[in-house]
Structure formats: structure tokens, C-alpha cells
């Protein structure tokens, strides 16, 4: 495909981290492939078998799969499986048989999936029956559905006139008149500097447009906590060095792990955080408009790396044994 501008780093525990831009594109003639780390995501303005041009989607795949399976969304909500022939002049989609895992996960043909009642369970309990991923075509844009909820818009019309992918985000919920309602934008797009910008999508029959919300307000360095009331969160927020270190996803994830299931102390005072709180602190420190779910349940919670222990010791904090 194309040489990625980053690489996977494996630490001493065998955990892998992507070093480099998480989201990038490669151009082939008038066609473009979007990548997330080193994995292709979407091919835009691709040549199709009927001589038209359109958007094709790379199916989810495991690490052991060598050749990506591409899917051409169809007007009826199904999809055609195939491969992507890449040349300097453009991208060409060619039909091939679907892999078994793709055929079971994606709606390629037949009726759409649906929720069905679960007999013998709690009243109102439902489960999804049928392929869990399907597509809706809106001109060049394609909405990817997970069960009955939109999760990605591929080839969305962006504010600068380009086309690219935008993603759903975890929104705040508020109880209003007995019903939980979403508060705030549901969508976000990744900016060239690695930060996210929130917004909404406008869906019509012929296109999907992303509408930017207010720009992310940059975090200001805070003040260190008082010696008689130490607070690790405040001390992290007050450290320019920590702000620089957490730009490295490797250190940021290790910092999250070190704050989970671990008590820290300074001047005889103890400090601890829930996993969600720890993840939110790291997301705030990175100042990229990420959410706590970008770090929550990263695995190995409670592990304190030597690097993190040394940096927290420099702030006056030690692990409570």
C-alpha cells in the first residue's frame, strides 16, 4: 500500500504502542487511502467495476490477516467483498469472495439485522440478530452502522472541502423528564496535530457534512498543591515536564496504569483514583480533546513502570506499599 509514517513499539512486557501519526492519508492519482496507524480504513474516489468511482471500506481484521478485505457498499445496504489494486495512477476495486469472518460480521446481502426479544429474561430484554455491521450510502459518503447506531462516516464532506472519516464519541447523558438524553456533540474528527475537534453531522440523501463545533480550548498549566493538602492530580496539572511527557502515548498509558489500583503519598497524605478518574486525568493532561475512554481499561491497571515512578518521585510522590 504505502510506507507508514510511524511504527509499532513493543515494551518489556510485550505491550505494543504506535509511535507516530495515528491518522494519515496516502494519495494515488486522484484516489486516497485513509489509515489509522498502519491499517487502512477507507479508500476514497476509487475506480469501481461498473466504471464509476466511489468509496470502499476496509473490513475489520485480526493481526494474523495478511491481505485486507475491502467492502464496496451497495444501495440496498449490503456490500460487495473484494480487493484493492493499487497503482500510482489510482485505486481499483475488484470483487473477490468474502472471508468467513467478514461474511458473518458484515451485511453483504440478505435482510438487515434487527433486535429481537429474549424469551425468559427481564421484560424488554433484547439481543441483536443478524450481521452486526452494515452501511448506508449518501452519495460519496458512507455511514457505517454498528447494529442500529451510526459509528463512522467514511468520506464525509469536511469543513475544508476535503473528504475524510469522522467518528462517534462518548457523549454526556442527562436525565430529562424521566428519559436519558445525550448532551453535546456526538461526533468528532481528527485534526493534523493529533487533537480531536467535536461537531455534528448533517445527513442528506446525497451527502454527509461535518459541522465543526467550537475549537478546543487549550489547557493552562495549573498551580502545585499545598504541602499540607497535597493532591497528585493538581501536581500533575502543574508540571510542564509531565505535560511534555504525556504527548508520548506510551508514557501517557503507563501513567494511567500507575494511578489505578495504587495509593500514592506525599507529606503523610494519601491519594488514590478510580480507573475512570485516572483515565480522565491523562486525557486532560494530553490536551488533545480526548476522552477518558481513550485510556480506560487499557490493561495492566495497577502496574507502575520505573519511568512513571521516577517522574512522580520528582514531584514528591511515592507509592504506598
Protein backbone atom coordinates (compact mmCIF):
# COMPACT_ATOMS: atom_id res chain seq x y z
CA UNK A 1 0.00 0.00 0.00
CA UNK A 2 2.14 2.85 1.33
CA UNK A 3 5.02 3.26 3.78
CA UNK A 4 3.56 4.36 7.15
CA UNK A 5 4.95 7.44 8.91
CA UNK A 6 5.24 5.55 12.19
CA UNK A 7 5.91 2.15 13.73
CA UNK A 8 4.81 -0.21 16.49
CA UNK A 9 6.96 -0.22 19.62
CA UNK A 10 6.87 -3.21 21.96
CA UNK A 11 7.79 -2.63 25.60
CA UNK A 12 9.39 -5.06 28.04
CA UNK A 13 6.01 -6.54 28.92
CA UNK A 14 5.16 -7.24 25.27
CA UNK A 15 2.64 -4.37 25.02
CA UNK A 16 2.55 -2.56 21.69
CA UNK A 17 2.28 1.20 21.15
CA UNK A 18 2.00 3.08 17.88
CA UNK A 19 4.69 5.76 17.58
CA UNK A 20 3.82 8.40 15.00
CA UNK A 21 0.68 9.98 13.49
CA UNK A 22 -2.37 7.86 14.31
CA UNK A 23 -4.35 9.07 11.29
CA UNK A 24 -2.80 9.78 7.92
CA UNK A 25 -3.51 9.55 4.19
CA UNK A 26 -1.74 8.37 1.06
CA UNK A 27 -2.63 9.63 -2.44
CA UNK A 28 -2.65 7.53 -5.60
CA UNK A 29 -3.60 9.68 -8.58
CA UNK A 30 -6.98 11.18 -7.67
CA UNK A 31 -7.68 8.41 -5.15
CA UNK A 32 -6.86 8.48 -1.43
CA UNK A 33 -6.46 5.83 1.26
CA UNK A 34 -7.01 6.81 4.90
CA UNK A 35 -5.04 4.90 7.51
CA UNK A 36 -5.42 4.51 11.26
CA UNK A 37 -1.89 3.65 12.48
CA UNK A 38 -0.66 1.18 9.81
CA UNK A 39 -4.09 -0.22 8.98
CA UNK A 40 -6.13 1.02 6.02
CA UNK A 41 -9.54 2.44 6.86
CA UNK A 42 -11.19 3.93 3.76
CA UNK A 43 -10.42 4.27 0.05
CA UNK A 44 -11.94 7.45 -1.43
CA UNK A 45 -12.65 8.11 -5.12
CA UNK A 46 -11.81 4.53 -6.04
CA UNK A 47 -12.47 3.04 -9.52
CA UNK A 48 -15.34 0.51 -9.29
CA UNK A 49 -16.15 -2.47 -11.55
CA UNK A 50 -19.02 -0.60 -13.28
CA UNK A 51 -16.58 2.18 -14.32
CA UNK A 52 -17.98 4.59 -11.74
CA UNK A 53 -15.99 5.92 -8.78
CA UNK A 54 -16.86 5.65 -5.11
CA UNK A 55 -15.89 4.86 -1.55
CA UNK A 56 -14.83 1.42 -0.33
CA UNK A 57 -14.27 0.37 3.28
CA UNK A 58 -11.58 -1.88 4.76
CA UNK A 59 -13.17 -4.61 6.88
CA UNK A 60 -12.05 -5.16 10.45
CA UNK A 61 -9.28 -7.73 10.59
CA UNK A 62 -7.10 -9.56 13.08
CA UNK A 63 -3.34 -9.23 13.31
CA UNK A 64 -2.82 -12.57 11.59
CA UNK A 65 -4.59 -11.46 8.38
CA UNK A 66 -2.07 -10.57 5.67
CA UNK A 67 -4.33 -9.18 2.94
CA UNK A 68 -7.06 -6.64 3.81
CA UNK A 69 -10.63 -7.42 2.75
CA UNK A 70 -12.30 -4.40 1.16
CA UNK A 71 -16.04 -3.82 1.00
CA UNK A 72 -17.94 -1.82 -1.60
CA UNK A 73 -21.19 -0.55 -0.05
CA UNK A 74 -24.29 -1.13 -2.17
CA UNK A 75 -27.50 0.96 -2.36
CA UNK A 76 -29.60 -1.78 -0.71
CA UNK A 77 -27.47 -1.65 2.47
CA UNK A 78 -25.42 -4.71 1.57
CA UNK A 79 -21.82 -4.79 0.41
CA UNK A 80 -19.60 -6.45 -2.18
CA UNK A 81 -16.37 -8.04 -0.94
CA UNK A 82 -13.18 -7.54 -2.86
CA UNK A 83 -9.58 -6.42 -3.00
CA UNK A 84 -7.91 -3.15 -3.88
CA UNK A 85 -5.45 -2.93 -6.76
CA UNK A 86 -3.08 -0.04 -6.08
CA UNK A 87 -1.04 1.85 -8.65
CA UNK A 88 0.41 5.33 -8.93
CA UNK A 89 -2.48 6.34 -11.18
CA UNK A 90 -5.27 5.31 -8.82
CA UNK A 91 -7.10 2.63 -6.86
CA UNK A 92 -9.24 -0.08 -8.47
CA UNK A 93 -11.70 -2.28 -6.58
CA UNK A 94 -12.06 -5.86 -7.83
CA UNK A 95 -14.61 -8.35 -6.50
CA UNK A 96 -13.33 -11.43 -4.62
CA UNK A 97 -15.04 -13.99 -2.35
CA UNK A 98 -15.52 -12.74 1.23
CA UNK A 99 -13.57 -14.20 4.13
CA UNK A 100 -15.72 -16.23 6.50
CA UNK A 101 -15.25 -13.78 9.39
CA UNK A 102 -16.26 -10.85 7.16
CA UNK A 103 -19.36 -12.66 5.87
CA UNK A 104 -20.54 -13.34 9.43
CA UNK A 105 -19.87 -9.82 10.76
CA UNK A 106 -20.96 -7.60 7.85
CA UNK A 107 -24.23 -7.46 6.00
CA UNK A 108 -23.21 -8.44 2.47
CA UNK A 109 -26.65 -9.47 1.23
CA UNK A 110 -29.99 -10.55 2.61
CA UNK A 111 -32.18 -8.82 5.18
CA UNK A 112 -30.69 -6.40 7.71
CA UNK A 113 -30.09 -7.43 11.30
CA UNK A 114 -32.58 -6.45 13.99
CA UNK A 115 -33.22 -6.55 17.71
CA UNK A 116 -35.38 -9.47 18.85
CA UNK A 117 -36.88 -10.21 22.29
CA UNK A 118 -35.01 -12.58 24.60
CA UNK A 119 -37.58 -15.05 25.96
CA UNK A 120 -37.46 -15.91 29.64
CA UNK A 121 -35.38 -12.87 30.56
CA UNK A 122 -36.16 -9.50 32.09
CA UNK A 123 -39.18 -7.90 30.35
CA UNK A 124 -37.98 -5.77 27.47
CA UNK A 125 -34.63 -7.60 27.13
CA UNK A 126 -33.42 -7.76 23.52
CA UNK A 127 -30.50 -9.08 21.54
CA UNK A 128 -29.21 -8.30 18.06
CA UNK A 129 -29.88 -10.97 15.44
CA UNK A 130 -28.02 -10.96 12.14
CA UNK A 131 -24.88 -9.25 10.82
CA UNK A 132 -23.80 -6.52 13.23
CA UNK A 133 -22.25 -4.08 10.72
CA UNK A 134 -23.96 -2.56 7.69
CA UNK A 135 -23.66 0.54 5.50
CA UNK A 136 -25.85 3.41 4.34
CA UNK A 137 -24.87 5.24 1.14
CA UNK A 138 -25.32 9.01 0.90
CA UNK A 139 -23.67 9.97 -2.37
CA UNK A 140 -19.90 9.67 -1.92
CA UNK A 141 -20.30 9.45 1.87
CA UNK A 142 -20.94 6.13 3.61
CA UNK A 143 -22.39 5.76 7.11
CA UNK A 144 -21.15 2.64 8.89
CA UNK A 145 -23.76 1.23 11.27
CA UNK A 146 -23.00 -0.95 14.31
CA UNK A 147 -26.29 -2.75 14.93
CA UNK A 148 -28.72 0.18 14.55
CA UNK A 149 -26.35 3.00 15.56
CA UNK A 150 -24.07 5.05 13.31
CA UNK A 151 -20.42 4.80 14.41
CA UNK A 152 -18.33 6.12 11.49
CA UNK A 153 -18.98 8.29 8.46
CA UNK A 154 -16.50 7.45 5.71
CA UNK A 155 -15.71 10.06 3.03
CA UNK A 156 -17.64 12.69 4.96
CA UNK A 157 -17.58 16.22 3.49
CA UNK A 158 -15.26 18.14 5.85
CA UNK A 159 -15.30 21.91 6.52
CA UNK A 160 -12.16 22.48 4.40
CA UNK A 161 -13.73 20.79 1.35
CA UNK A 162 -11.82 17.51 1.64
CA UNK A 163 -13.42 14.16 2.37
CA UNK A 164 -12.46 12.02 5.33
CA UNK A 165 -13.72 9.85 8.16
CA UNK A 166 -15.44 11.16 11.28
CA UNK A 167 -16.24 9.11 14.36
CA UNK A 168 -18.85 8.93 17.08
CA UNK A 169 -17.75 9.82 20.59
CA UNK A 170 -19.00 9.06 24.07
CA UNK A 171 -21.38 11.89 24.99
CA UNK A 172 -22.61 13.09 28.34
CA UNK A 173 -26.06 11.89 29.35
CA UNK A 174 -28.62 13.88 31.34
CA UNK A 175 -31.90 12.74 32.85
CA UNK A 176 -34.68 14.95 31.47
CA UNK A 177 -38.34 14.31 32.28
CA UNK A 178 -37.62 10.70 33.13
CA UNK A 179 -35.55 9.98 29.98
CA UNK A 180 -31.79 9.91 29.46
CA UNK A 181 -30.77 12.30 26.68
CA UNK A 182 -27.40 12.94 25.05
CA UNK A 183 -25.83 16.31 25.81
CA UNK A 184 -23.30 17.86 23.45
CA UNK A 185 -21.87 16.83 20.06
CA UNK A 186 -21.95 13.16 19.11
CA UNK A 187 -19.18 13.30 16.51
CA UNK A 188 -15.51 14.18 16.25
CA UNK A 189 -12.78 14.38 13.63
CA UNK A 190 -9.04 14.06 14.00
CA UNK A 191 -7.02 17.16 13.17
CA UNK A 192 -3.48 17.14 11.67
CA UNK A 193 -1.89 17.97 15.04
CA UNK A 194 -3.37 14.80 16.57
CA UNK A 195 -6.12 16.57 18.52
CA UNK A 196 -9.86 15.97 18.10
CA UNK A 197 -12.46 18.54 17.17
CA UNK A 198 -16.04 17.91 18.24
CA UNK A 199 -19.00 18.63 16.00
CA UNK A 200 -22.12 17.23 14.39
CA UNK A 201 -23.04 15.70 11.06
CA UNK A 202 -25.72 16.83 8.65
CA UNK A 203 -27.07 13.84 6.73
CA UNK A 204 -28.99 14.19 3.47
CA UNK A 205 -29.85 11.69 0.75
CA UNK A 206 -26.86 12.78 -1.35
CA UNK A 207 -24.13 13.61 1.18
CA UNK A 208 -22.99 13.84 4.80
CA UNK A 209 -21.33 17.01 6.04
CA UNK A 210 -19.35 17.52 9.23
CA UNK A 211 -20.02 20.78 11.07
CA UNK A 212 -17.24 21.86 13.42
CA UNK A 213 -18.17 22.82 16.95
CA UNK A 214 -16.20 25.43 18.93
CA UNK A 215 -12.43 24.92 18.80
CA UNK A 216 -10.90 23.05 21.70
CA UNK A 217 -9.73 25.47 24.40
CA UNK A 218 -6.12 24.72 25.28
CA UNK A 219 -5.32 23.73 28.85
CA UNK A 220 -3.35 26.14 31.03
CA UNK A 221 -0.63 24.91 33.40
CA UNK A 222 -2.09 24.93 36.91
CA UNK A 223 -0.66 25.50 40.38
CA UNK A 224 1.01 22.89 42.55
CA UNK A 225 -0.99 21.74 45.58
CA UNK A 226 -0.18 22.99 49.07
CA UNK A 227 2.22 20.94 51.20
CA UNK A 228 -0.43 20.47 53.91
CA UNK A 229 -3.09 19.35 51.39
CA UNK A 230 -1.22 17.53 48.61
CA UNK A 231 -3.17 16.47 45.53
CA UNK A 232 -1.47 14.35 42.86
CA UNK A 233 -3.90 15.47 40.17
CA UNK A 234 -3.11 19.15 40.84
CA UNK A 235 0.64 18.45 40.89
CA UNK A 236 0.45 16.66 37.54
CA UNK A 237 -1.54 19.52 36.02
CA UNK A 238 1.08 22.00 37.33
CA UNK A 239 4.08 20.21 35.78
CA UNK A 240 5.32 21.40 32.36
CA UNK A 241 7.54 18.30 32.22
CA UNK A 242 4.60 15.92 32.67
CA UNK A 243 2.66 17.90 30.02
CA UNK A 244 5.53 17.22 27.62
CA UNK A 245 5.98 13.55 28.57
CA UNK A 246 2.31 12.59 28.12
CA UNK A 247 2.50 13.57 24.44
CA UNK A 248 4.11 10.13 24.13
CA UNK A 249 1.19 7.67 24.18
CA UNK A 250 3.49 5.09 25.78
CA UNK A 251 4.19 7.26 28.84
CA UNK A 252 0.58 8.51 28.98
CA UNK A 253 -0.80 4.98 29.13
CA UNK A 254 1.75 3.96 31.77
CA UNK A 255 0.79 7.00 33.86
CA UNK A 256 -2.87 5.95 33.67
CA UNK A 257 -1.96 2.42 34.80
CA UNK A 258 0.11 3.74 37.70
CA UNK A 259 -2.81 5.77 39.07
CA UNK A 260 -5.15 2.74 39.03
CA UNK A 261 -5.35 0.34 41.99
CA UNK A 262 -2.46 2.21 43.63
CA UNK A 263 -2.25 4.61 46.56
CA UNK A 264 0.29 7.43 46.40
CA UNK A 265 1.51 9.57 49.28
CA UNK A 266 3.15 12.95 49.87
CA UNK A 267 3.82 14.56 53.25
CA UNK A 268 1.86 11.82 55.01
CA UNK A 269 -1.28 12.30 52.90
CA UNK A 270 -2.72 9.54 50.72
CA UNK A 271 -4.13 9.91 47.22
CA UNK A 272 -5.96 7.39 45.01
CA UNK A 273 -8.20 7.48 41.94
CA UNK A 274 -10.77 5.27 40.22
CA UNK A 275 -9.88 3.92 36.79
CA UNK A 276 -12.27 6.38 35.17
CA UNK A 277 -10.82 9.32 37.12
CA UNK A 278 -7.25 8.27 36.25
CA UNK A 279 -8.13 7.97 32.56
CA UNK A 280 -9.77 11.40 32.62
CA UNK A 281 -6.67 12.96 34.22
CA UNK A 282 -4.41 11.59 31.48
CA UNK A 283 -6.80 12.71 28.73
CA UNK A 284 -6.85 16.23 30.22
CA UNK A 285 -3.06 16.31 30.58
CA UNK A 286 -2.56 15.43 26.90
CA UNK A 287 -4.75 18.39 25.88
CA UNK A 288 -5.89 16.77 22.62
CA UNK A 289 -9.64 16.83 23.38
CA UNK A 290 -9.56 13.11 24.08
CA UNK A 291 -11.98 11.47 26.50
CA UNK A 292 -11.45 9.09 29.39
CA UNK A 293 -12.47 6.17 27.17
CA UNK A 294 -9.32 6.70 25.09
CA UNK A 295 -7.37 5.27 28.09
CA UNK A 296 -9.91 3.47 30.29
CA UNK A 297 -9.35 -0.32 30.55
CA UNK A 298 -6.02 -0.19 28.68
CA UNK A 299 -4.94 -3.40 30.52
CA UNK A 300 -2.33 -3.86 33.27
CA UNK A 301 -4.05 -1.36 35.56
CA UNK A 302 -2.08 -1.05 38.81
CA UNK A 303 1.31 -1.57 37.12
CA UNK A 304 3.82 1.16 37.98
CA UNK A 305 6.66 1.49 35.47
CA UNK A 306 10.11 2.67 36.57
CA UNK A 307 9.82 5.77 34.36
CA UNK A 308 6.50 6.85 35.88
CA UNK A 309 7.67 6.11 39.44
CA UNK A 310 10.75 8.29 38.87
CA UNK A 311 8.70 11.20 37.48
CA UNK A 312 6.20 11.07 40.34
CA UNK A 313 9.06 10.86 42.86
CA UNK A 314 10.44 14.07 41.32
CA UNK A 315 7.08 15.67 42.18
CA UNK A 316 7.37 14.43 45.75
CA UNK A 317 5.07 11.42 45.47
CA UNK A 318 5.82 7.83 46.45
CA UNK A 319 3.89 4.60 46.07
CA UNK A 320 2.20 3.43 49.26
CA UNK A 321 3.27 -0.16 49.94
